[in-house]
C-alpha atoms as a PDB file:
ATOM      1  CA  VAL A   1      59.886  36.279 -30.200  1.00  0.00           C
ATOM      2  CA  GLN A   2      59.173  37.347 -33.788  1.00  0.00           C
ATOM      3  CA  LEU A   3      56.211  39.562 -34.554  1.00  0.00           C
ATOM      4  CA  GLN A   4      54.349  40.087 -37.813  1.00  0.00           C
ATOM      5  CA  ALA A   5      51.858  42.946 -38.027  1.00  0.00           C
ATOM      6  CA  SER A   6      49.228  43.127 -40.744  1.00  0.00           C
ATOM      7  CA  GLY A   7      45.901  44.678 -41.604  1.00  0.00           C
ATOM      8  CA  GLY A   8      46.844  48.228 -42.442  1.00  0.00           C
ATOM      9  CA  GLY A   9      45.411  50.078 -45.396  1.00  0.00           C
ATOM     10  CA  LEU A  10      43.743  53.184 -46.728  1.00  0.00           C
ATOM     11  CA  VAL A  11      40.370  54.060 -45.201  1.00  0.00           C
ATOM     12  CA  GLN A  12      38.154  57.102 -44.862  1.00  0.00           C
ATOM     13  CA  ALA A  13      37.519  59.052 -41.710  1.00  0.00           C
ATOM     14  CA  GLY A  14      34.910  57.305 -39.581  1.00  0.00           C
ATOM     15  CA  ASP A  15      35.764  53.849 -40.909  1.00  0.00           C
ATOM     16  CA  SER A  16      37.037  50.880 -38.932  1.00  0.00           C
ATOM     17  CA  LEU A  17      40.079  48.692 -39.355  1.00  0.00           C
ATOM     18  CA  ARG A  18      41.493  45.735 -37.465  1.00  0.00           C
ATOM     19  CA  LEU A  19      45.194  45.137 -37.165  1.00  0.00           C
ATOM     20  CA  SER A  20      46.669  41.763 -36.318  1.00  0.00           C
ATOM     21  CA  CYS A  21      50.001  40.831 -34.836  1.00  0.00           C
ATOM     22  CA  ALA A  22      51.049  37.212 -35.106  1.00  0.00           C
ATOM     23  CA  ALA A  23      53.762  36.044 -32.747  1.00  0.00           C
ATOM     24  CA  SER A  24      56.149  33.136 -33.097  1.00  0.00           C
ATOM     25  CA  GLU A  25      55.612  32.249 -29.445  1.00  0.00           C
ATOM     26  CA  ARG A  26      52.757  32.273 -26.984  1.00  0.00           C
ATOM     27  CA  THR A  27      51.683  35.874 -26.533  1.00  0.00           C
ATOM     28  CA  SER A  28      50.479  34.971 -23.044  1.00  0.00           C
ATOM     29  CA  ARG A  29      54.131  34.965 -21.983  1.00  0.00           C
ATOM     30  CA  TYR A  30      54.601  38.625 -22.836  1.00  0.00           C
ATOM     31  CA  VAL A  31      53.284  42.079 -22.313  1.00  0.00           C
ATOM     32  CA  MET A  32      52.030  42.942 -25.795  1.00  0.00           C
ATOM     33  CA  GLY A  33      51.793  46.499 -27.048  1.00  0.00           C
ATOM     34  CA  TRP A  34      50.759  48.571 -30.027  1.00  0.00           C
ATOM     35  CA  PHE A  35      52.562  51.776 -30.945  1.00  0.00           C
ATOM     36  CA  ARG A  36      52.343  54.121 -33.879  1.00  0.00           C
ATOM     37  CA  GLN A  37      54.603  56.604 -35.543  1.00  0.00           C
ATOM     38  CA  ALA A  38      53.631  59.336 -37.947  1.00  0.00           C
ATOM     39  CA  PRO A  39      56.235  61.090 -40.117  1.00  0.00           C
ATOM     40  CA  GLY A  40      58.225  63.555 -38.053  1.00  0.00           C
ATOM     41  CA  ASN A  41      56.713  62.357 -34.797  1.00  0.00           C
ATOM     42  CA  GLU A  42      58.000  60.221 -31.994  1.00  0.00           C
ATOM     43  CA  ARG A  43      56.701  56.710 -31.507  1.00  0.00           C
ATOM     44  CA  GLU A  44      53.434  56.966 -29.630  1.00  0.00           C
ATOM     45  CA  PHE A  45      51.869  54.480 -27.248  1.00  0.00           C
ATOM     46  CA  VAL A  46      48.517  53.121 -28.431  1.00  0.00           C
ATOM     47  CA  ALA A  47      47.650  50.154 -26.229  1.00  0.00           C
ATOM     48  CA  ALA A  48      49.117  47.325 -24.185  1.00  0.00           C
ATOM     49  CA  ILE A  49      47.827  44.171 -22.586  1.00  0.00           C
ATOM     50  CA  LYS A  50      49.415  42.537 -19.588  1.00  0.00           C
ATOM     51  CA  TRP A  51      50.737  39.009 -19.971  1.00  0.00           C
ATOM     52  CA  GLY A  52      47.893  37.634 -17.866  1.00  0.00           C
ATOM     53  CA  GLY A  53      45.370  39.530 -19.982  1.00  0.00           C
ATOM     54  CA  ASP A  54      43.652  40.948 -16.950  1.00  0.00           C
ATOM     55  CA  ARG A  55      44.262  44.560 -17.811  1.00  0.00           C
ATOM     56  CA  ILE A  56      44.547  46.639 -20.939  1.00  0.00           C
ATOM     57  CA  TYR A  57      46.000  50.116 -21.146  1.00  0.00           C
ATOM     58  CA  TYR A  58      45.231  52.719 -23.807  1.00  0.00           C
ATOM     59  CA  GLY A  59      46.782  55.953 -24.927  1.00  0.00           C
ATOM     60  CA  ASN A  60      44.636  59.002 -24.312  1.00  0.00           C
ATOM     61  CA  SER A  61      44.206  59.736 -27.999  1.00  0.00           C
ATOM     62  CA  VAL A  62      42.591  56.356 -28.735  1.00  0.00           C
ATOM     63  CA  LYS A  63      40.566  55.655 -25.603  1.00  0.00           C
ATOM     64  CA  GLY A  64      36.991  54.785 -26.416  1.00  0.00           C
ATOM     65  CA  ARG A  65      37.757  54.166 -30.110  1.00  0.00           C
ATOM     66  CA  PHE A  66      40.393  51.424 -30.150  1.00  0.00           C
ATOM     67  CA  THR A  67      40.205  48.008 -28.520  1.00  0.00           C
ATOM     68  CA  MET A  68      43.077  45.639 -28.012  1.00  0.00           C
ATOM     69  CA  SER A  69      42.540  41.924 -27.577  1.00  0.00           C
ATOM     70  CA  ARG A  70      44.469  38.707 -27.709  1.00  0.00           C
ATOM     71  CA  ASP A  71      43.794  35.181 -28.916  1.00  0.00           C
ATOM     72  CA  ASN A  72      46.200  32.943 -27.049  1.00  0.00           C
ATOM     73  CA  ALA A  73      45.278  29.911 -29.121  1.00  0.00           C
ATOM     74  CA  LYS A  74      46.442  31.721 -32.261  1.00  0.00           C
ATOM     75  CA  ASN A  75      49.380  33.549 -30.648  1.00  0.00           C
ATOM     76  CA  THR A  76      47.885  36.726 -32.032  1.00  0.00           C
ATOM     77  CA  VAL A  77      46.910  40.106 -30.684  1.00  0.00           C
ATOM     78  CA  TYR A  78      44.533  42.488 -32.389  1.00  0.00           C
ATOM     79  CA  LEU A  79      43.837  46.178 -32.472  1.00  0.00           C
ATOM     80  CA  GLN A  80      40.289  47.042 -33.446  1.00  0.00           C
ATOM     81  CA  MET A  81      40.212  50.660 -34.552  1.00  0.00           C
ATOM     82  CA  ASN A  82      36.862  52.403 -34.861  1.00  0.00           C
ATOM     83  CA  SER A  83      35.882  55.967 -35.732  1.00  0.00           C
ATOM     84  CA  LEU A  84      39.215  56.523 -37.397  1.00  0.00           C
ATOM     85  CA  LYS A  85      40.459  60.062 -37.840  1.00  0.00           C
ATOM     86  CA  PRO A  86      43.052  61.513 -40.216  1.00  0.00           C
ATOM     87  CA  GLU A  87      45.330  62.058 -37.216  1.00  0.00           C
ATOM     88  CA  ASP A  88      45.393  58.281 -36.709  1.00  0.00           C
ATOM     89  CA  THR A  89      47.456  58.016 -39.880  1.00  0.00           C
ATOM     90  CA  ALA A  90      50.755  56.349 -38.991  1.00  0.00           C
ATOM     91  CA  VAL A  91      52.796  53.209 -39.205  1.00  0.00           C
ATOM     92  CA  TYR A  92      51.497  50.890 -36.494  1.00  0.00           C
ATOM     93  CA  TYR A  93      53.887  48.557 -34.735  1.00  0.00           C
ATOM     94  CA  CYS A  94      53.270  45.682 -32.393  1.00  0.00           C
ATOM     95  CA  ALA A  95      55.787  45.004 -29.689  1.00  0.00           C
ATOM     96  CA  ALA A  96      56.463  42.532 -26.908  1.00  0.00           C
ATOM     97  CA  ASP A  97      58.184  42.747 -23.579  1.00  0.00           C
ATOM     98  CA  VAL A  98      58.819  40.299 -20.800  1.00  0.00           C
ATOM     99  CA  PRO A  99      56.648  40.883 -17.737  1.00  0.00           C
ATOM    100  CA  PRO A 100      55.941  42.862 -15.659  1.00  0.00           C
ATOM    101  CA  TYR A 101      54.237  45.764 -17.378  1.00  0.00           C
ATOM    102  CA  ARG A 102      56.562  48.750 -17.036  1.00  0.00           C
ATOM    103  CA  GLY A 103      54.544  51.532 -18.564  1.00  0.00           C
ATOM    104  CA  SER A 104      53.828  53.067 -21.929  1.00  0.00           C
ATOM    105  CA  SER A 105      57.304  53.999 -23.105  1.00  0.00           C
ATOM    106  CA  HIS A 106      58.414  52.307 -26.286  1.00  0.00           C
ATOM    107  CA  THR A 107      61.891  51.980 -24.777  1.00  0.00           C
ATOM    108  CA  GLU A 108      60.561  49.304 -22.427  1.00  0.00           C
ATOM    109  CA  TYR A 109      59.814  46.896 -25.261  1.00  0.00           C
ATOM    110  CA  ASP A 110      62.483  44.548 -26.547  1.00  0.00           C
ATOM    111  CA  TYR A 111      60.770  42.930 -29.528  1.00  0.00           C
ATOM    112  CA  TRP A 112      59.201  44.693 -32.499  1.00  0.00           C
ATOM    113  CA  GLY A 113      57.323  43.787 -35.624  1.00  0.00           C
ATOM    114  CA  GLN A 114      57.928  45.462 -38.964  1.00  0.00           C
ATOM    115  CA  GLY A 115      54.966  47.852 -38.876  1.00  0.00           C
ATOM    116  CA  THR A 116      51.860  48.226 -40.980  1.00  0.00           C
ATOM    117  CA  LEU A 117      50.749  51.505 -42.537  1.00  0.00           C
ATOM    118  CA  VAL A 118      47.339  52.951 -41.735  1.00  0.00           C
ATOM    119  CA  THR A 119      46.214  55.931 -43.773  1.00  0.00           C
ATOM    120  CA  VAL A 120      42.984  57.721 -42.940  1.00  0.00           C
ATOM    121  CA  SER A 121      41.701  60.179 -45.505  1.00  0.00           C
ATOM    122  CA  SER A 122      39.417  63.063 -44.608  1.00  0.00           C
END
């Protein structure tokens, strides 16, 4: 599966942004995840949705602010990011893995998009 992330940009603290990840195949076949990586940091888990869509997982640093969703008809997953903070600045990647959901480690995911940069100014 090929993944194309988009929607990044420069925003101010407190603003909202929505990222999209378009897949070349039905996203309902995969566990879909969002990760981010800031300069000098390891890749961090942001969110994941199980292939059946019945459960969504979030990283502790984004719980209550970010919402992941999927539109199976469009083969697209989204990451709605609210109340953005400067520490959310990173390159955001979408990823896919064959079921079942194996946890939040980026090493579990086999397919990756190219990343989209989110910069949050204070």
